[in-house]
Every structure is written in C-alpha cells, then in structure tokens.
Amino acid sequence: MREITVADLKRLMAQKPLMIIDIRDYYQFQLGNIPTARCIPMNFLLTNDSNYLNKGTTYYIYCEFGNRSKQACQELSQKGYDVVNIVGGYQEYKANL
C-alpha cells in the first residue's frame, strides 16, 4: 500500500486530474472536502468495491485523519486495486490550505 503527503498530493493535483475518494460520511463531506473528491463512505466502498472502482486506475483515498483510509487502502490493495492513502486525511489538507 502506498501513501502520499498532502503537499505531494497538491503538486500532483496541479499537474493532472486525480481520482480522489473521500470515505467519510456524507454529512462530513458536505462540511468540507478536497476539491474534485467523490464521497463514497467506507462501508459502501469496501462492500461494493467493484461498483465504484476499476482495476488499473489509481485512486487517492482519504478520511478525516488518515486512519480509516489507511485501513481501507490496505483492504483494497489486497483485492488488487491501485490505491494511495492520503496521510493525515482531510484535517491535514485543511491545515495546509
């Protein structure tokens, strides 16, 4: 499983569009999110991964602080998906605006 810092994520976002997934609940997503992110709560993503993800596409995944997204990335990478955990989650992103 790979990880990326918020600073590196921002550099990549400036270069090309990224597939970013917010695994927090919808109400948390509505309170603030990383631009272009798609909200797919963790329980939906992990139980229906093939409905949301394609193998061969890189997905950048985050939650509030980075703990649940790390867990989700470990599980998804074991299923063969190319996933990258955003270290520190949304709180780290928000702190570095």
PDB file of N, CA and C in Angstrom:
ATOM      1  N   MET A   1       0.845  -1.189   0.000  1.00  0.00           N
ATOM      2  CA  MET A   1       0.000   0.000   0.000  1.00  0.00           C
ATOM      3  C   MET A   1       0.884   1.244   0.000  1.00  0.00           C
ATOM      4  N   ARG A   2       0.520   2.189  -0.844  1.00  0.00           N
ATOM      5  CA  ARG A   2       1.295   3.423  -0.949  1.00  0.00           C
ATOM      6  C   ARG A   2       0.609   4.538  -0.176  1.00  0.00           C
ATOM      7  N   GLU A   3       1.415   5.553   0.184  1.00  0.00           N
ATOM      8  CA  GLU A   3       0.887   6.728   0.863  1.00  0.00           C
ATOM      9  C   GLU A   3       1.460   7.978   0.208  1.00  0.00           C
ATOM     10  N   ILE A   4       0.744   9.091   0.377  1.00  0.00           N
ATOM     11  CA  ILE A   4       1.179  10.361  -0.181  1.00  0.00           C
ATOM     12  C   ILE A   4       0.904  11.460   0.842  1.00  0.00           C
ATOM     13  N   THR A   5       1.783  12.437   0.905  1.00  0.00           N
ATOM     14  CA  THR A   5       1.552  13.570   1.789  1.00  0.00           C
ATOM     15  C   THR A   5       0.610  14.547   1.111  1.00  0.00           C
ATOM     16  N   VAL A   6       0.026  15.413   1.885  1.00  0.00           N
ATOM     17  CA  VAL A   6      -0.863  16.440   1.331  1.00  0.00           C
ATOM     18  C   VAL A   6      -0.096  17.353   0.385  1.00  0.00           C
ATOM     19  N   ALA A   7       1.133  17.700   0.743  1.00  0.00           N
ATOM     20  CA  ALA A   7       1.946  18.570  -0.125  1.00  0.00           C
ATOM     21  C   ALA A   7       2.170  17.914  -1.484  1.00  0.00           C
ATOM     22  N   ASP A   8       2.520  16.630  -1.491  1.00  0.00           N
ATOM     23  CA  ASP A   8       2.723  15.929  -2.758  1.00  0.00           C
ATOM     24  C   ASP A   8       1.416  15.780  -3.529  1.00  0.00           C
ATOM     25  N   LEU A   9       0.329  15.554  -2.814  1.00  0.00           N
ATOM     26  CA  LEU A   9      -0.978  15.460  -3.462  1.00  0.00           C
ATOM     27  C   LEU A   9      -1.308  16.766  -4.179  1.00  0.00           C
ATOM     28  N   LYS A  10      -1.097  17.884  -3.509  1.00  0.00           N
ATOM     29  CA  LYS A  10      -1.393  19.182  -4.124  1.00  0.00           C
ATOM     30  C   LYS A  10      -0.554  19.412  -5.374  1.00  0.00           C
ATOM     31  N   ARG A  11       0.712  18.995  -5.338  1.00  0.00           N
ATOM     32  CA  ARG A  11       1.560  19.126  -6.531  1.00  0.00           C
ATOM     33  C   ARG A  11       1.011  18.286  -7.683  1.00  0.00           C
ATOM     34  N   LEU A  12       0.609  17.064  -7.367  1.00  0.00           N
ATOM     35  CA  LEU A  12       0.041  16.198  -8.407  1.00  0.00           C
ATOM     36  C   LEU A  12      -1.268  16.759  -8.957  1.00  0.00           C
ATOM     37  N   MET A  13      -2.106  17.297  -8.058  1.00  0.00           N
ATOM     38  CA  MET A  13      -3.397  17.855  -8.481  1.00  0.00           C
ATOM     39  C   MET A  13      -3.202  19.026  -9.441  1.00  0.00           C
ATOM     40  N   ALA A  14      -2.118  19.754  -9.272  1.00  0.00           N
ATOM     41  CA  ALA A  14      -1.835  20.887 -10.154  1.00  0.00           C
ATOM     42  C   ALA A  14      -1.379  20.423 -11.538  1.00  0.00           C
ATOM     43  N   GLN A  15      -0.905  19.195 -11.629  1.00  0.00           N
ATOM     44  CA  GLN A  15      -0.388  18.668 -12.891  1.00  0.00           C
ATOM     45  C   GLN A  15      -1.422  17.925 -13.720  1.00  0.00           C
ATOM     46  N   LYS A  16      -2.335  17.223 -13.035  1.00  0.00           N
ATOM     47  CA  LYS A  16      -3.303  16.394 -13.765  1.00  0.00           C
ATOM     48  C   LYS A  16      -4.498  16.080 -12.883  1.00  0.00           C
ATOM     49  N   PRO A  17      -5.625  15.717 -13.490  1.00  0.00           N
ATOM     50  CA  PRO A  17      -6.799  15.316 -12.694  1.00  0.00           C
ATOM     51  C   PRO A  17      -6.517  13.985 -11.984  1.00  0.00           C
ATOM     52  N   LEU A  18      -6.971  13.884 -10.752  1.00  0.00           N
ATOM     53  CA  LEU A  18      -6.789  12.670  -9.968  1.00  0.00           C
ATOM     54  C   LEU A  18      -8.140  12.114  -9.540  1.00  0.00           C
ATOM     55  N   MET A  19      -8.190  10.819  -9.350  1.00  0.00           N
ATOM     56  CA  MET A  19      -9.383  10.166  -8.819  1.00  0.00           C
ATOM     57  C   MET A  19      -9.238  10.154  -7.294  1.00  0.00           C
ATOM     58  N   ILE A  20      -9.935  11.090  -6.627  1.00  0.00           N
ATOM     59  CA  ILE A  20      -9.835  11.230  -5.180  1.00  0.00           C
ATOM     60  C   ILE A  20     -11.151  10.779  -4.557  1.00  0.00           C
ATOM     61  N   ILE A  21     -11.047   9.924  -3.547  1.00  0.00           N
ATOM     62  CA  ILE A  21     -12.243   9.397  -2.885  1.00  0.00           C
ATOM     63  C   ILE A  21     -12.203   9.743  -1.400  1.00  0.00           C
ATOM     64  N   ASP A  22     -13.277  10.364  -0.944  1.00  0.00           N
ATOM     65  CA  ASP A  22     -13.479  10.691   0.465  1.00  0.00           C
ATOM     66  C   ASP A  22     -14.341   9.584   1.053  1.00  0.00           C
ATOM     67  N   ILE A  23     -13.812   8.854   2.033  1.00  0.00           N
ATOM     68  CA  ILE A  23     -14.578   7.731   2.583  1.00  0.00           C
ATOM     69  C   ILE A  23     -15.322   8.100   3.866  1.00  0.00           C
ATOM     70  N   ARG A  24     -15.375   9.387   4.182  1.00  0.00           N
ATOM     71  CA  ARG A  24     -16.147   9.823   5.354  1.00  0.00           C
ATOM     72  C   ARG A  24     -17.639   9.763   5.028  1.00  0.00           C
ATOM     73  N   ASP A  25     -18.470   9.984   6.028  1.00  0.00           N
ATOM     74  CA  ASP A  25     -19.913  10.029   5.812  1.00  0.00           C
ATOM     75  C   ASP A  25     -20.281  11.268   5.006  1.00  0.00           C
ATOM     76  N   TYR A  26     -21.444  11.233   4.363  1.00  0.00           N
ATOM     77  CA  TYR A  26     -21.879  12.331   3.506  1.00  0.00           C
ATOM     78  C   TYR A  26     -21.931  13.667   4.244  1.00  0.00           C
ATOM     79  N   TYR A  27     -22.408  13.659   5.510  1.00  0.00           N
ATOM     80  CA  TYR A  27     -22.512  14.928   6.226  1.00  0.00           C
ATOM     81  C   TYR A  27     -21.130  15.540   6.461  1.00  0.00           C
ATOM     82  N   GLN A  28     -20.109  14.713   6.698  1.00  0.00           N
ATOM     83  CA  GLN A  28     -18.748  15.234   6.864  1.00  0.00           C
ATOM     84  C   GLN A  28     -18.240  15.815   5.551  1.00  0.00           C
ATOM     85  N   PHE A  29     -18.526  15.138   4.466  1.00  0.00           N
ATOM     86  CA  PHE A  29     -18.118  15.597   3.137  1.00  0.00           C
ATOM     87  C   PHE A  29     -18.723  16.968   2.846  1.00  0.00           C
ATOM     88  N   GLN A  30     -20.000  17.142   3.214  1.00  0.00           N
ATOM     89  CA  GLN A  30     -20.678  18.415   2.972  1.00  0.00           C
ATOM     90  C   GLN A  30     -20.065  19.561   3.770  1.00  0.00           C
ATOM     91  N   LEU A  31     -19.449  19.262   4.911  1.00  0.00           N
ATOM     92  CA  LEU A  31     -18.834  20.295   5.744  1.00  0.00           C
ATOM     93  C   LEU A  31     -17.507  20.786   5.177  1.00  0.00           C
ATOM     94  N   GLY A  32     -16.918  20.020   4.275  1.00  0.00           N
ATOM     95  CA  GLY A  32     -15.661  20.396   3.651  1.00  0.00           C
ATOM     96  C   GLY A  32     -15.001  19.181   3.046  1.00  0.00           C
ATOM     97  N   ASN A  33     -14.321  19.382   1.924  1.00  0.00           N
ATOM     98  CA  ASN A  33     -13.690  18.262   1.243  1.00  0.00           C
ATOM     99  C   ASN A  33     -12.565  18.754   0.341  1.00  0.00           C
ATOM    100  N   ILE A  34     -11.797  17.809  -0.148  1.00  0.00           N
ATOM    101  CA  ILE A  34     -10.753  18.126  -1.121  1.00  0.00           C
ATOM    102  C   ILE A  34     -11.428  18.314  -2.471  1.00  0.00           C
ATOM    103  N   PRO A  35     -11.138  19.425  -3.171  1.00  0.00           N
ATOM    104  CA  PRO A  35     -11.782  19.670  -4.466  1.00  0.00           C
ATOM    105  C   PRO A  35     -11.633  18.472  -5.410  1.00  0.00           C
ATOM    106  N   THR A  36     -12.668  18.198  -6.139  1.00  0.00           N
ATOM    107  CA  THR A  36     -12.817  17.114  -7.122  1.00  0.00           C
ATOM    108  C   THR A  36     -13.024  15.743  -6.480  1.00  0.00           C
ATOM    109  N   ALA A  37     -13.010  15.656  -5.150  1.00  0.00           N
ATOM    110  CA  ALA A  37     -13.195  14.358  -4.487  1.00  0.00           C
ATOM    111  C   ALA A  37     -14.629  13.875  -4.648  1.00  0.00           C
ATOM    112  N   ARG A  38     -14.758  12.577  -4.680  1.00  0.00           N
ATOM    113  CA  ARG A  38     -16.066  11.918  -4.728  1.00  0.00           C
ATOM    114  C   ARG A  38     -16.279  11.256  -3.373  1.00  0.00           C
ATOM    115  N   CYS A  39     -17.452  11.422  -2.800  1.00  0.00           N
ATOM    116  CA  CYS A  39     -17.749  10.831  -1.496  1.00  0.00           C
ATOM    117  C   CYS A  39     -18.352   9.437  -1.673  1.00  0.00           C
ATOM    118  N   ILE A  40     -17.621   8.449  -1.156  1.00  0.00           N
ATOM    119  CA  ILE A  40     -18.123   7.076  -1.097  1.00  0.00           C
ATOM    120  C   ILE A  40     -17.798   6.585   0.312  1.00  0.00           C
ATOM    121  N   PRO A  41     -18.775   6.607   1.228  1.00  0.00           N
ATOM    122  CA  PRO A  41     -18.495   6.177   2.600  1.00  0.00           C
ATOM    123  C   PRO A  41     -17.820   4.801   2.644  1.00  0.00           C
ATOM    124  N   MET A  42     -16.935   4.653   3.616  1.00  0.00           N
ATOM    125  CA  MET A  42     -16.087   3.467   3.715  1.00  0.00           C
ATOM    126  C   MET A  42     -16.862   2.159   3.630  1.00  0.00           C
ATOM    127  N   ASN A  43     -17.975   2.053   4.368  1.00  0.00           N
ATOM    128  CA  ASN A  43     -18.705   0.785   4.359  1.00  0.00           C
ATOM    129  C   ASN A  43     -19.259   0.457   2.969  1.00  0.00           C
ATOM    130  N   PHE A  44     -19.693   1.466   2.204  1.00  0.00           N
ATOM    131  CA  PHE A  44     -20.172   1.219   0.839  1.00  0.00           C
ATOM    132  C   PHE A  44     -19.019   0.804  -0.063  1.00  0.00           C
ATOM    133  N   LEU A  45     -17.900   1.513   0.067  1.00  0.00           N
ATOM    134  CA  LEU A  45     -16.751   1.244  -0.801  1.00  0.00           C
ATOM    135  C   LEU A  45     -16.203  -0.166  -0.580  1.00  0.00           C
ATOM    136  N   LEU A  46     -16.058  -0.557   0.675  1.00  0.00           N
ATOM    137  CA  LEU A  46     -15.454  -1.864   0.952  1.00  0.00           C
ATOM    138  C   LEU A  46     -16.376  -3.034   0.658  1.00  0.00           C
ATOM    139  N   THR A  47     -17.683  -2.841   0.766  1.00  0.00           N
ATOM    140  CA  THR A  47     -18.597  -3.948   0.500  1.00  0.00           C
ATOM    141  C   THR A  47     -19.047  -4.014  -0.959  1.00  0.00           C
ATOM    142  N   ASN A  48     -18.855  -2.937  -1.706  1.00  0.00           N
ATOM    143  CA  ASN A  48     -19.266  -2.888  -3.121  1.00  0.00           C
ATOM    144  C   ASN A  48     -18.160  -2.332  -3.999  1.00  0.00           C
ATOM    145  N   ASP A  49     -16.920  -2.691  -3.701  1.00  0.00           N
ATOM    146  CA  ASP A  49     -15.779  -2.085  -4.390  1.00  0.00           C
ATOM    147  C   ASP A  49     -15.870  -2.159  -5.909  1.00  0.00           C
ATOM    148  N   SER A  50     -16.342  -3.263  -6.451  1.00  0.00           N
ATOM    149  CA  SER A  50     -16.386  -3.398  -7.912  1.00  0.00           C
ATOM    150  C   SER A  50     -17.413  -2.466  -8.556  1.00  0.00           C
ATOM    151  N   ASN A  51     -18.359  -1.934  -7.773  1.00  0.00           N
ATOM    152  CA  ASN A  51     -19.321  -0.966  -8.300  1.00  0.00           C
ATOM    153  C   ASN A  51     -18.713   0.424  -8.435  1.00  0.00           C
ATOM    154  N   TYR A  52     -17.654   0.692  -7.679  1.00  0.00           N
ATOM    155  CA  TYR A  52     -17.074   2.033  -7.623  1.00  0.00           C
ATOM    156  C   TYR A  52     -15.679   2.140  -8.228  1.00  0.00           C
ATOM    157  N   LEU A  53     -14.920   1.059  -8.223  1.00  0.00           N
ATOM    158  CA  LEU A  53     -13.519   1.115  -8.614  1.00  0.00           C
ATOM    159  C   LEU A  53     -13.225   0.245  -9.823  1.00  0.00           C
ATOM    160  N   ASN A  54     -12.229   0.668 -10.577  1.00  0.00           N
ATOM    161  CA  ASN A  54     -11.725  -0.121 -11.697  1.00  0.00           C
ATOM    162  C   ASN A  54     -10.283  -0.479 -11.423  1.00  0.00           C
ATOM    163  N   LYS A  55      -9.933  -1.698 -11.689  1.00  0.00           N
ATOM    164  CA  LYS A  55      -8.527  -2.083 -11.557  1.00  0.00           C
ATOM    165  C   LYS A  55      -7.774  -1.427 -12.706  1.00  0.00           C
ATOM    166  N   GLY A  56      -6.598  -0.920 -12.426  1.00  0.00           N
ATOM    167  CA  GLY A  56      -5.826  -0.209 -13.444  1.00  0.00           C
ATOM    168  C   GLY A  56      -5.932   1.300 -13.320  1.00  0.00           C
ATOM    169  N   THR A  57      -6.827   1.784 -12.469  1.00  0.00           N
ATOM    170  CA  THR A  57      -6.960   3.217 -12.188  1.00  0.00           C
ATOM    171  C   THR A  57      -6.389   3.469 -10.797  1.00  0.00           C
ATOM    172  N   THR A  58      -5.663   4.567 -10.640  1.00  0.00           N
ATOM    173  CA  THR A  58      -5.125   4.923  -9.330  1.00  0.00           C
ATOM    174  C   THR A  58      -6.128   5.796  -8.595  1.00  0.00           C
ATOM    175  N   TYR A  59      -6.406   5.430  -7.345  1.00  0.00           N
ATOM    176  CA  TYR A  59      -7.343   6.178  -6.509  1.00  0.00           C
ATOM    177  C   TYR A  59      -6.604   6.704  -5.282  1.00  0.00           C
ATOM    178  N   TYR A  60      -6.847   7.956  -4.966  1.00  0.00           N
ATOM    179  CA  TYR A  60      -6.276   8.601  -3.784  1.00  0.00           C
ATOM    180  C   TYR A  60      -7.399   8.681  -2.757  1.00  0.00           C
ATOM    181  N   ILE A  61      -7.190   8.065  -1.597  1.00  0.00           N
ATOM    182  CA  ILE A  61      -8.272   7.891  -0.632  1.00  0.00           C
ATOM    183  C   ILE A  61      -7.946   8.602   0.673  1.00  0.00           C
ATOM    184  N   TYR A  62      -8.972   9.274   1.210  1.00  0.00           N
ATOM    185  CA  TYR A  62      -8.778   9.943   2.498  1.00  0.00           C
ATOM    186  C   TYR A  62     -10.029   9.855   3.355  1.00  0.00           C
ATOM    187  N   CYS A  63      -9.805  10.087   4.662  1.00  0.00           N
ATOM    188  CA  CYS A  63     -10.884  10.178   5.644  1.00  0.00           C
ATOM    189  C   CYS A  63     -10.619  11.444   6.451  1.00  0.00           C
ATOM    190  N   GLU A  64     -11.028  11.491   7.688  1.00  0.00           N
ATOM    191  CA  GLU A  64     -10.849  12.701   8.487  1.00  0.00           C
ATOM    192  C   GLU A  64      -9.387  12.898   8.907  1.00  0.00           C
ATOM    193  N   PHE A  65      -8.757  11.835   9.437  1.00  0.00           N
ATOM    194  CA  PHE A  65      -7.388  11.950   9.952  1.00  0.00           C
ATOM    195  C   PHE A  65      -6.386  11.002   9.283  1.00  0.00           C
ATOM    196  N   GLY A  66      -6.857  10.098   8.450  1.00  0.00           N
ATOM    197  CA  GLY A  66      -5.962   9.194   7.739  1.00  0.00           C
ATOM    198  C   GLY A  66      -5.907   7.771   8.268  1.00  0.00           C
ATOM    199  N   ASN A  67      -6.590   7.490   9.372  1.00  0.00           N
ATOM    200  CA  ASN A  67      -6.540   6.137   9.937  1.00  0.00           C
ATOM    201  C   ASN A  67      -7.461   5.165   9.213  1.00  0.00           C
ATOM    202  N   ARG A  68      -8.716   5.557   9.025  1.00  0.00           N
ATOM    203  CA  ARG A  68      -9.666   4.672   8.321  1.00  0.00           C
ATOM    204  C   ARG A  68      -9.275   4.519   6.859  1.00  0.00           C
ATOM    205  N   SER A  69      -8.759   5.584   6.249  1.00  0.00           N
ATOM    206  CA  SER A  69      -8.363   5.475   4.839  1.00  0.00           C
ATOM    207  C   SER A  69      -7.172   4.533   4.691  1.00  0.00           C
ATOM    208  N   LYS A  70      -6.283   4.523   5.668  1.00  0.00           N
ATOM    209  CA  LYS A  70      -5.161   3.584   5.620  1.00  0.00           C
ATOM    210  C   LYS A  70      -5.677   2.149   5.673  1.00  0.00           C
ATOM    211  N   GLN A  71      -6.623   1.900   6.568  1.00  0.00           N
ATOM    212  CA  GLN A  71      -7.230   0.576   6.678  1.00  0.00           C
ATOM    213  C   GLN A  71      -7.931   0.197   5.366  1.00  0.00           C
ATOM    214  N   ALA A  72      -8.699   1.138   4.806  1.00  0.00           N
ATOM    215  CA  ALA A  72      -9.406   0.867   3.548  1.00  0.00           C
ATOM    216  C   ALA A  72      -8.420   0.588   2.421  1.00  0.00           C
ATOM    217  N   CYS A  73      -7.338   1.356   2.360  1.00  0.00           N
ATOM    218  CA  CYS A  73      -6.337   1.149   1.310  1.00  0.00           C
ATOM    219  C   CYS A  73      -5.682  -0.223   1.431  1.00  0.00           C
ATOM    220  N   GLN A  74      -5.407  -0.650   2.649  1.00  0.00           N
ATOM    221  CA  GLN A  74      -4.816  -1.979   2.837  1.00  0.00           C
ATOM    222  C   GLN A  74      -5.757  -3.054   2.311  1.00  0.00           C
ATOM    223  N   GLU A  75      -7.025  -2.937   2.640  1.00  0.00           N
ATOM    224  CA  GLU A  75      -8.001  -3.937   2.195  1.00  0.00           C
ATOM    225  C   GLU A  75      -8.181  -3.908   0.676  1.00  0.00           C
ATOM    226  N   LEU A  76      -8.279  -2.714   0.120  1.00  0.00           N
ATOM    227  CA  LEU A  76      -8.475  -2.589  -1.331  1.00  0.00           C
ATOM    228  C   LEU A  76      -7.242  -3.020  -2.118  1.00  0.00           C
ATOM    229  N   SER A  77      -6.061  -2.734  -1.598  1.00  0.00           N
ATOM    230  CA  SER A  77      -4.856  -3.159  -2.313  1.00  0.00           C
ATOM    231  C   SER A  77      -4.738  -4.686  -2.308  1.00  0.00           C
ATOM    232  N   GLN A  78      -5.215  -5.334  -1.241  1.00  0.00           N
ATOM    233  CA  GLN A  78      -5.222  -6.797  -1.208  1.00  0.00           C
ATOM    234  C   GLN A  78      -6.168  -7.382  -2.257  1.00  0.00           C
ATOM    235  N   LYS A  79      -7.175  -6.599  -2.635  1.00  0.00           N
ATOM    236  CA  LYS A  79      -8.122  -7.032  -3.673  1.00  0.00           C
ATOM    237  C   LYS A  79      -7.624  -6.692  -5.071  1.00  0.00           C
ATOM    238  N   GLY A  80      -6.440  -6.051  -5.154  1.00  0.00           N
ATOM    239  CA  GLY A  80      -5.846  -5.773  -6.457  1.00  0.00           C
ATOM    240  C   GLY A  80      -6.055  -4.371  -6.995  1.00  0.00           C
ATOM    241  N   TYR A  81      -6.565  -3.456  -6.182  1.00  0.00           N
ATOM    242  CA  TYR A  81      -6.774  -2.079  -6.630  1.00  0.00           C
ATOM    243  C   TYR A  81      -5.523  -1.241  -6.373  1.00  0.00           C
ATOM    244  N   ASP A  82      -5.316  -0.254  -7.232  1.00  0.00           N
ATOM    245  CA  ASP A  82      -4.198   0.675  -7.089  1.00  0.00           C
ATOM    246  C   ASP A  82      -4.686   1.866  -6.274  1.00  0.00           C
ATOM    247  N   VAL A  83      -4.403   1.845  -4.977  1.00  0.00           N
ATOM    248  CA  VAL A  83      -4.898   2.867  -4.061  1.00  0.00           C
ATOM    249  C   VAL A  83      -3.739   3.521  -3.313  1.00  0.00           C
ATOM    250  N   VAL A  84      -3.916   4.800  -3.012  1.00  0.00           N
ATOM    251  CA  VAL A  84      -2.900   5.570  -2.301  1.00  0.00           C
ATOM    252  C   VAL A  84      -3.584   6.277  -1.136  1.00  0.00           C
ATOM    253  N   ASN A  85      -3.075   6.061   0.067  1.00  0.00           N
ATOM    254  CA  ASN A  85      -3.624   6.710   1.246  1.00  0.00           C
ATOM    255  C   ASN A  85      -3.075   8.130   1.353  1.00  0.00           C
ATOM    256  N   ILE A  86      -3.958   9.095   1.610  1.00  0.00           N
ATOM    257  CA  ILE A  86      -3.548  10.482   1.828  1.00  0.00           C
ATOM    258  C   ILE A  86      -3.283  10.638   3.329  1.00  0.00           C
ATOM    259  N   VAL A  87      -2.011  10.773   3.690  1.00  0.00           N
ATOM    260  CA  VAL A  87      -1.586  10.822   5.093  1.00  0.00           C
ATOM    261  C   VAL A  87      -2.167  12.058   5.778  1.00  0.00           C
ATOM    262  N   GLY A  88      -2.789  11.842   6.929  1.00  0.00           N
ATOM    263  CA  GLY A  88      -3.349  12.944   7.705  1.00  0.00           C
ATOM    264  C   GLY A  88      -4.766  13.308   7.332  1.00  0.00           C
ATOM    265  N   GLY A  89      -5.260  12.760   6.227  1.00  0.00           N
ATOM    266  CA  GLY A  89      -6.639  12.958   5.822  1.00  0.00           C
ATOM    267  C   GLY A  89      -7.049  14.403   5.590  1.00  0.00           C
ATOM    268  N   TYR A  90      -8.343  14.634   5.720  1.00  0.00           N
ATOM    269  CA  TYR A  90      -8.884  15.963   5.443  1.00  0.00           C
ATOM    270  C   TYR A  90      -8.349  17.011   6.416  1.00  0.00           C
ATOM    271  N   GLN A  91      -8.121  16.638   7.661  1.00  0.00           N
ATOM    272  CA  GLN A  91      -7.624  17.614   8.630  1.00  0.00           C
ATOM    273  C   GLN A  91      -6.248  18.135   8.229  1.00  0.00           C
ATOM    274  N   GLU A  92      -5.414  17.269   7.699  1.00  0.00           N
ATOM    275  CA  GLU A  92      -4.082  17.695   7.234  1.00  0.00           C
ATOM    276  C   GLU A  92      -4.230  18.594   6.000  1.00  0.00           C
ATOM    277  N   TYR A  93      -5.141  18.229   5.110  1.00  0.00           N
ATOM    278  CA  TYR A  93      -5.386  19.054   3.924  1.00  0.00           C
ATOM    279  C   TYR A  93      -5.858  20.444   4.333  1.00  0.00           C
ATOM    280  N   LYS A  94      -6.824  20.486   5.237  1.00  0.00           N
ATOM    281  CA  LYS A  94      -7.397  21.755   5.685  1.00  0.00           C
ATOM    282  C   LYS A  94      -6.333  22.619   6.393  1.00  0.00           C
ATOM    283  N   ALA A  95      -5.448  21.988   7.139  1.00  0.00           N
ATOM    284  CA  ALA A  95      -4.405  22.721   7.858  1.00  0.00           C
ATOM    285  C   ALA A  95      -3.363  23.318   6.910  1.00  0.00           C
ATOM    286  N   ASN A  96      -3.319  22.819   5.684  1.00  0.00           N
ATOM    287  CA  ASN A  96      -2.311  23.273   4.720  1.00  0.00           C
ATOM    288  C   ASN A  96      -2.911  23.987   3.524  1.00  0.00           C
ATOM    289  N   LEU A  97      -4.056  24.613   3.723  1.00  0.00           N
ATOM    290  CA  LEU A  97      -4.681  25.378   2.628  1.00  0.00           C
ATOM    291  C   LEU A  97      -3.879  26.614   2.303  1.00  0.00           C
TER     292      LEU A  97
END
